[in-house]
C-alpha atoms as a PDB file:
ATOM      1  CA  MET A   1     -34.943  14.759 -46.436  1.00  0.00           C
ATOM      2  CA  MET A   2     -35.862  12.769 -43.329  1.00  0.00           C
ATOM      3  CA  LYS A   3     -36.987   9.818 -45.491  1.00  0.00           C
ATOM      4  CA  MET A   4     -33.623   9.947 -47.251  1.00  0.00           C
ATOM      5  CA  GLY A   5     -31.779   9.716 -43.925  1.00  0.00           C
ATOM      6  CA  LEU A   6     -30.516  13.305 -44.105  1.00  0.00           C
ATOM      7  CA  GLU A   7     -31.623  14.230 -40.598  1.00  0.00           C
ATOM      8  CA  GLU A   8     -28.969  16.841 -39.878  1.00  0.00           C
ATOM      9  CA  GLU A   9     -29.510  18.629 -43.195  1.00  0.00           C
ATOM     10  CA  ALA A  10     -33.295  18.499 -42.718  1.00  0.00           C
ATOM     11  CA  MET A  11     -33.044  20.060 -39.266  1.00  0.00           C
ATOM     12  CA  GLN A  12     -30.677  22.782 -40.507  1.00  0.00           C
ATOM     13  CA  ARG A  13     -33.185  23.678 -43.232  1.00  0.00           C
ATOM     14  CA  HIS A  14     -36.080  23.575 -40.766  1.00  0.00           C
ATOM     15  CA  ARG A  15     -34.257  25.889 -38.376  1.00  0.00           C
ATOM     16  CA  ARG A  16     -33.362  28.297 -41.165  1.00  0.00           C
ATOM     17  CA  ARG A  17     -36.947  28.450 -42.509  1.00  0.00           C
ATOM     18  CA  MET A  18     -38.776  28.682 -39.183  1.00  0.00           C
ATOM     19  CA  GLU A  19     -36.377  30.682 -37.019  1.00  0.00           C
ATOM     20  CA  GLY A  20     -37.981  34.057 -37.774  1.00  0.00           C
ATOM     21  CA  MET A  21     -41.385  32.851 -36.617  1.00  0.00           C
ATOM     22  CA  VAL A  22     -40.181  30.918 -33.600  1.00  0.00           C
ATOM     23  CA  THR A  23     -38.046  33.764 -32.250  1.00  0.00           C
ATOM     24  CA  TYR A  24     -40.387  36.651 -33.155  1.00  0.00           C
ATOM     25  CA  PRO A  25     -41.148  38.569 -29.929  1.00  0.00           C
ATOM     26  CA  GLY A  26     -44.714  38.669 -28.740  1.00  0.00           C
ATOM     27  CA  PHE A  27     -46.117  35.687 -30.636  1.00  0.00           C
ATOM     28  CA  SER A  28     -46.212  32.009 -29.731  1.00  0.00           C
ATOM     29  CA  MET A  29     -47.924  30.806 -32.927  1.00  0.00           C
ATOM     30  CA  LEU A  30     -46.745  30.301 -36.503  1.00  0.00           C
ATOM     31  CA  PHE A  31     -47.576  32.899 -39.145  1.00  0.00           C
ATOM     32  CA  GLU A  32     -49.670  32.555 -42.302  1.00  0.00           C
ATOM     33  CA  HIS A  33     -46.807  34.033 -44.329  1.00  0.00           C
ATOM     34  CA  TRP A  34     -43.076  33.692 -43.680  1.00  0.00           C
ATOM     35  CA  ASN A  35     -42.888  37.226 -42.329  1.00  0.00           C
ATOM     36  CA  ILE A  36     -45.224  39.800 -40.790  1.00  0.00           C
ATOM     37  CA  GLY A  37     -45.213  43.563 -40.468  1.00  0.00           C
ATOM     38  CA  VAL A  38     -43.113  45.555 -42.949  1.00  0.00           C
ATOM     39  CA  GLU A  39     -41.273  42.362 -43.965  1.00  0.00           C
ATOM     40  CA  GLY A  40     -44.466  40.464 -44.729  1.00  0.00           C
ATOM     41  CA  PHE A  41     -47.555  40.544 -46.878  1.00  0.00           C
ATOM     42  CA  LYS A  42     -50.666  42.610 -46.307  1.00  0.00           C
ATOM     43  CA  GLY A  43     -53.318  40.578 -44.509  1.00  0.00           C
ATOM     44  CA  GLY A  44     -52.958  37.108 -43.092  1.00  0.00           C
ATOM     45  CA  SER A  45     -52.708  36.002 -39.504  1.00  0.00           C
ATOM     46  CA  VAL A  46     -50.126  35.015 -36.940  1.00  0.00           C
ATOM     47  CA  ASN A  47     -52.046  31.869 -36.037  1.00  0.00           C
ATOM     48  CA  HIS A  48     -52.124  29.685 -39.095  1.00  0.00           C
ATOM     49  CA  SER A  49     -51.989  25.940 -39.505  1.00  0.00           C
ATOM     50  CA  TRP A  50     -50.170  25.521 -42.819  1.00  0.00           C
ATOM     51  CA  THR A  51     -46.835  26.465 -41.297  1.00  0.00           C
ATOM     52  CA  GLY A  52     -47.370  23.703 -38.736  1.00  0.00           C
ATOM     53  CA  GLY A  53     -46.255  21.107 -41.295  1.00  0.00           C
ATOM     54  CA  GLY A  54     -42.786  21.216 -39.779  1.00  0.00           C
ATOM     55  CA  LEU A  55     -44.258  20.164 -36.450  1.00  0.00           C
ATOM     56  CA  THR A  56     -45.661  17.047 -38.125  1.00  0.00           C
ATOM     57  CA  VAL A  57     -42.185  16.279 -39.457  1.00  0.00           C
ATOM     58  CA  LEU A  58     -40.730  16.707 -35.970  1.00  0.00           C
ATOM     59  CA  SER A  59     -43.321  14.381 -34.434  1.00  0.00           C
ATOM     60  CA  GLN A  60     -43.291  11.743 -37.168  1.00  0.00           C
ATOM     61  CA  TYR A  61     -39.598  11.670 -38.016  1.00  0.00           C
ATOM     62  CA  VAL A  62     -37.502  13.312 -35.299  1.00  0.00           C
ATOM     63  CA  CYS A  63     -39.506  11.660 -32.500  1.00  0.00           C
ATOM     64  CA  GLY A  64     -40.467   8.785 -34.801  1.00  0.00           C
ATOM     65  CA  VAL A  65     -44.176   8.372 -34.013  1.00  0.00           C
ATOM     66  CA  SER A  66     -46.176   7.009 -36.918  1.00  0.00           C
ATOM     67  CA  PRO A  67     -49.240   4.755 -37.243  1.00  0.00           C
ATOM     68  CA  LEU A  68     -48.447   1.263 -38.501  1.00  0.00           C
ATOM     69  CA  LYS A  69     -52.058   0.038 -38.657  1.00  0.00           C
ATOM     70  CA  PRO A  70     -55.354   1.925 -39.033  1.00  0.00           C
ATOM     71  CA  GLY A  71     -56.800   3.386 -35.853  1.00  0.00           C
ATOM     72  CA  TYR A  72     -53.371   3.346 -34.203  1.00  0.00           C
ATOM     73  CA  GLU A  73     -53.745  -0.347 -33.368  1.00  0.00           C
ATOM     74  CA  ALA A  74     -50.023  -0.489 -34.012  1.00  0.00           C
ATOM     75  CA  VAL A  75     -47.477   2.310 -34.144  1.00  0.00           C
ATOM     76  CA  THR A  76     -43.798   2.790 -34.736  1.00  0.00           C
ATOM     77  CA  VAL A  77     -41.542   4.882 -32.541  1.00  0.00           C
ATOM     78  CA  LEU A  78     -38.324   5.122 -34.541  1.00  0.00           C
ATOM     79  CA  PRO A  79     -36.653   8.455 -33.783  1.00  0.00           C
ATOM     80  CA  GLN A  80     -34.303  10.122 -36.232  1.00  0.00           C
ATOM     81  CA  PRO A  81     -32.488  12.569 -33.930  1.00  0.00           C
ATOM     82  CA  GLY A  82     -29.877  13.879 -36.338  1.00  0.00           C
ATOM     83  CA  ASP A  83     -27.847  16.400 -34.366  1.00  0.00           C
ATOM     84  CA  LEU A  84     -30.516  17.023 -31.720  1.00  0.00           C
ATOM     85  CA  GLU A  85     -29.546  16.252 -28.143  1.00  0.00           C
ATOM     86  CA  LYS A  86     -33.130  15.761 -26.962  1.00  0.00           C
ATOM     87  CA  ALA A  87     -36.736  15.932 -28.099  1.00  0.00           C
ATOM     88  CA  SER A  88     -40.169  14.792 -26.997  1.00  0.00           C
ATOM     89  CA  ALA A  89     -43.636  14.400 -28.472  1.00  0.00           C
ATOM     90  CA  VAL A  90     -47.141  13.522 -27.374  1.00  0.00           C
ATOM     91  CA  VAL A  91     -49.446  12.203 -30.085  1.00  0.00           C
ATOM     92  CA  ALA A  92     -53.160  11.983 -29.388  1.00  0.00           C
ATOM     93  CA  SER A  93     -54.562   8.829 -30.957  1.00  0.00           C
ATOM     94  CA  VAL A  94     -57.960   7.133 -30.822  1.00  0.00           C
ATOM     95  CA  LYS A  95     -56.334   4.605 -28.444  1.00  0.00           C
ATOM     96  CA  GLY A  96     -54.934   7.278 -26.127  1.00  0.00           C
ATOM     97  CA  ARG A  97     -51.765   9.300 -25.720  1.00  0.00           C
ATOM     98  CA  ILE A  98     -48.553   8.055 -27.298  1.00  0.00           C
ATOM     99  CA  GLU A  99     -45.661   9.682 -25.477  1.00  0.00           C
ATOM    100  CA  THR A 100     -42.027   9.582 -26.407  1.00  0.00           C
ATOM    101  CA  SER A 101     -38.807  11.378 -25.622  1.00  0.00           C
ATOM    102  CA  PHE A 102     -35.139  10.818 -26.224  1.00  0.00           C
ATOM    103  CA  VAL A 103     -31.747  12.011 -25.063  1.00  0.00           C
ATOM    104  CA  ASN A 104     -29.003  11.645 -27.649  1.00  0.00           C
ATOM    105  CA  GLU A 105     -25.466  11.817 -26.289  1.00  0.00           C
ATOM    106  CA  LYS A 106     -22.116  10.895 -27.810  1.00  0.00           C
ATOM    107  CA  ASP A 107     -21.978   7.430 -26.236  1.00  0.00           C
ATOM    108  CA  LEU A 108     -25.598   6.898 -25.161  1.00  0.00           C
ATOM    109  CA  PHE A 109     -29.108   7.068 -26.609  1.00  0.00           C
ATOM    110  CA  VAL A 110     -32.021   6.901 -24.156  1.00  0.00           C
ATOM    111  CA  LEU A 111     -35.579   6.528 -25.453  1.00  0.00           C
ATOM    112  CA  GLN A 112     -38.723   6.699 -23.310  1.00  0.00           C
ATOM    113  CA  VAL A 113     -41.977   5.403 -24.840  1.00  0.00           C
ATOM    114  CA  THR A 114     -45.509   5.104 -23.465  1.00  0.00           C
ATOM    115  CA  LEU A 115     -48.039   3.213 -25.587  1.00  0.00           C
ATOM    116  CA  PRO A 116     -51.745   3.324 -24.632  1.00  0.00           C
ATOM    117  CA  PRO A 117     -53.824   0.192 -23.900  1.00  0.00           C
ATOM    118  CA  ASP A 118     -54.558  -2.158 -26.799  1.00  0.00           C
ATOM    119  CA  THR A 119     -51.697  -0.776 -28.878  1.00  0.00           C
ATOM    120  CA  GLU A 120     -48.854  -2.766 -30.387  1.00  0.00           C
ATOM    121  CA  GLY A 121     -45.599  -1.072 -31.198  1.00  0.00           C
ATOM    122  CA  VAL A 122     -42.334  -1.309 -33.023  1.00  0.00           C
ATOM    123  CA  ILE A 123     -39.800   0.780 -31.144  1.00  0.00           C
ATOM    124  CA  GLY A 124     -36.182   1.209 -32.003  1.00  0.00           C
ATOM    125  CA  VAL A 125     -32.980   3.150 -31.841  1.00  0.00           C
ATOM    126  CA  PRO A 126     -30.801   4.463 -34.636  1.00  0.00           C
ATOM    127  CA  GLY A 127     -28.493   1.543 -35.426  1.00  0.00           C
ATOM    128  CA  LYS A 128     -25.208   3.303 -36.105  1.00  0.00           C
ATOM    129  CA  ARG A 129     -22.407   2.206 -33.769  1.00  0.00           C
ATOM    130  CA  VAL A 130     -24.734   0.563 -31.222  1.00  0.00           C
ATOM    131  CA  LYS A 131     -22.902  -1.900 -28.978  1.00  0.00           C
ATOM    132  CA  GLU A 132     -25.646  -2.859 -26.535  1.00  0.00           C
ATOM    133  CA  ILE A 133     -29.323  -2.142 -25.905  1.00  0.00           C
ATOM    134  CA  ALA A 134     -31.390  -2.653 -22.753  1.00  0.00           C
ATOM    135  CA  VAL A 135     -35.187  -2.320 -22.569  1.00  0.00           C
ATOM    136  CA  ASN A 136     -36.649  -1.817 -19.074  1.00  0.00           C
ATOM    137  CA  GLY A 137     -33.407  -3.053 -17.564  1.00  0.00           C
ATOM    138  CA  HIS A 138     -33.148  -6.240 -19.686  1.00  0.00           C
ATOM    139  CA  THR A 139     -30.359  -6.633 -22.228  1.00  0.00           C
ATOM    140  CA  VAL A 140     -32.014  -7.165 -25.621  1.00  0.00           C
ATOM    141  CA  TRP A 141     -29.140  -6.528 -28.045  1.00  0.00           C
ATOM    142  CA  LYS A 142     -25.435  -7.225 -27.620  1.00  0.00           C
ATOM    143  CA  LYS A 143     -22.533  -7.521 -30.051  1.00  0.00           C
ATOM    144  CA  GLY A 144     -24.813  -7.179 -33.066  1.00  0.00           C
ATOM    145  CA  LYS A 145     -27.308  -9.858 -32.020  1.00  0.00           C
ATOM    146  CA  PHE A 146     -30.712 -10.060 -30.385  1.00  0.00           C
ATOM    147  CA  VAL A 147     -30.779 -11.439 -26.829  1.00  0.00           C
ATOM    148  CA  GLU A 148     -33.899 -13.330 -25.636  1.00  0.00           C
ATOM    149  CA  ASN A 149     -35.691 -11.404 -22.904  1.00  0.00           C
ATOM    150  CA  PRO A 150     -39.120 -11.057 -21.231  1.00  0.00           C
ATOM    151  CA  VAL A 151     -39.997  -7.532 -22.503  1.00  0.00           C
ATOM    152  CA  CYS A 152     -39.745  -7.507 -26.297  1.00  0.00           C
ATOM    153  CA  SER A 153     -39.014  -9.499 -29.422  1.00  0.00           C
ATOM    154  CA  LEU A 154     -36.893  -8.637 -32.418  1.00  0.00           C
ATOM    155  CA  SER A 155     -39.027  -6.930 -35.051  1.00  0.00           C
ATOM    156  CA  GLU A 156     -39.404  -8.650 -38.381  1.00  0.00           C
ATOM    157  CA  GLU A 157     -39.787  -5.199 -39.912  1.00  0.00           C
ATOM    158  CA  ARG A 158     -36.324  -4.794 -41.366  1.00  0.00           C
ATOM    159  CA  GLY A 159     -34.414  -1.692 -42.246  1.00  0.00           C
ATOM    160  CA  GLU A 160     -30.876  -0.483 -42.071  1.00  0.00           C
ATOM    161  CA  SER A 161     -31.502   2.677 -40.078  1.00  0.00           C
ATOM    162  CA  HIS A 162     -32.797   1.271 -36.760  1.00  0.00           C
ATOM    163  CA  ILE A 163     -32.564  -1.747 -34.496  1.00  0.00           C
ATOM    164  CA  LYS A 164     -36.238  -2.522 -33.918  1.00  0.00           C
ATOM    165  CA  PHE A 165     -38.211  -4.390 -31.278  1.00  0.00           C
ATOM    166  CA  GLU A 166     -41.861  -5.380 -30.994  1.00  0.00           C
ATOM    167  CA  VAL A 167     -43.659  -4.424 -27.803  1.00  0.00           C
ATOM    168  CA  SER A 168     -47.188  -4.226 -26.441  1.00  0.00           C
ATOM    169  CA  SER A 169     -48.875  -1.343 -24.650  1.00  0.00           C
ATOM    170  CA  GLY A 170     -47.031   0.031 -21.643  1.00  0.00           C
ATOM    171  CA  ASN A 171     -44.012   2.068 -20.612  1.00  0.00           C
ATOM    172  CA  TYR A 172     -40.544   1.438 -21.998  1.00  0.00           C
ATOM    173  CA  GLN A 173     -37.102   2.812 -21.328  1.00  0.00           C
ATOM    174  CA  VAL A 174     -34.605   1.900 -24.033  1.00  0.00           C
ATOM    175  CA  ILE A 175     -30.939   2.522 -23.338  1.00  0.00           C
ATOM    176  CA  ALA A 176     -28.494   2.092 -26.208  1.00  0.00           C
ATOM    177  CA  VAL A 177     -24.775   2.215 -25.556  1.00  0.00           C
ATOM    178  CA  LYS A 178     -22.827   3.422 -28.568  1.00  0.00           C
END
């Protein structure tokens, strides 16, 4: 659903499927089966990795972190927030920690990204209704066009969902005015 651009529907389904585990009192891990106790199956555990697949979806799609080249030499950070107001992720890579977070408001989208040394990146913001984008205080996008700047270049990786920029390792704050 995330690949199809149905972020809000995907998150609604995720919430519906996982809510029982996430809100179950006394446990902080995901179950082997959908339910435990009298509602569940005999056997199994309350610390099981298969149900963690949704966490991969949250990291890779909601927060947008995905390898672009082997060994994390290059990564994308292209969040798909849907109806979420904020989210964050830390991805351990062979190059180091990739950290990202966003705040998604009605008229503003703020993305924070940290890329480890020797890592290239394509970072971007959802492109719907974006009027202006600044990266580390430099205007990089205005009135539908890229603006030359000292911090990033326009990504040649095209797509309709995001406005994308190429960056090198370091810390980035991306502010998009909607």
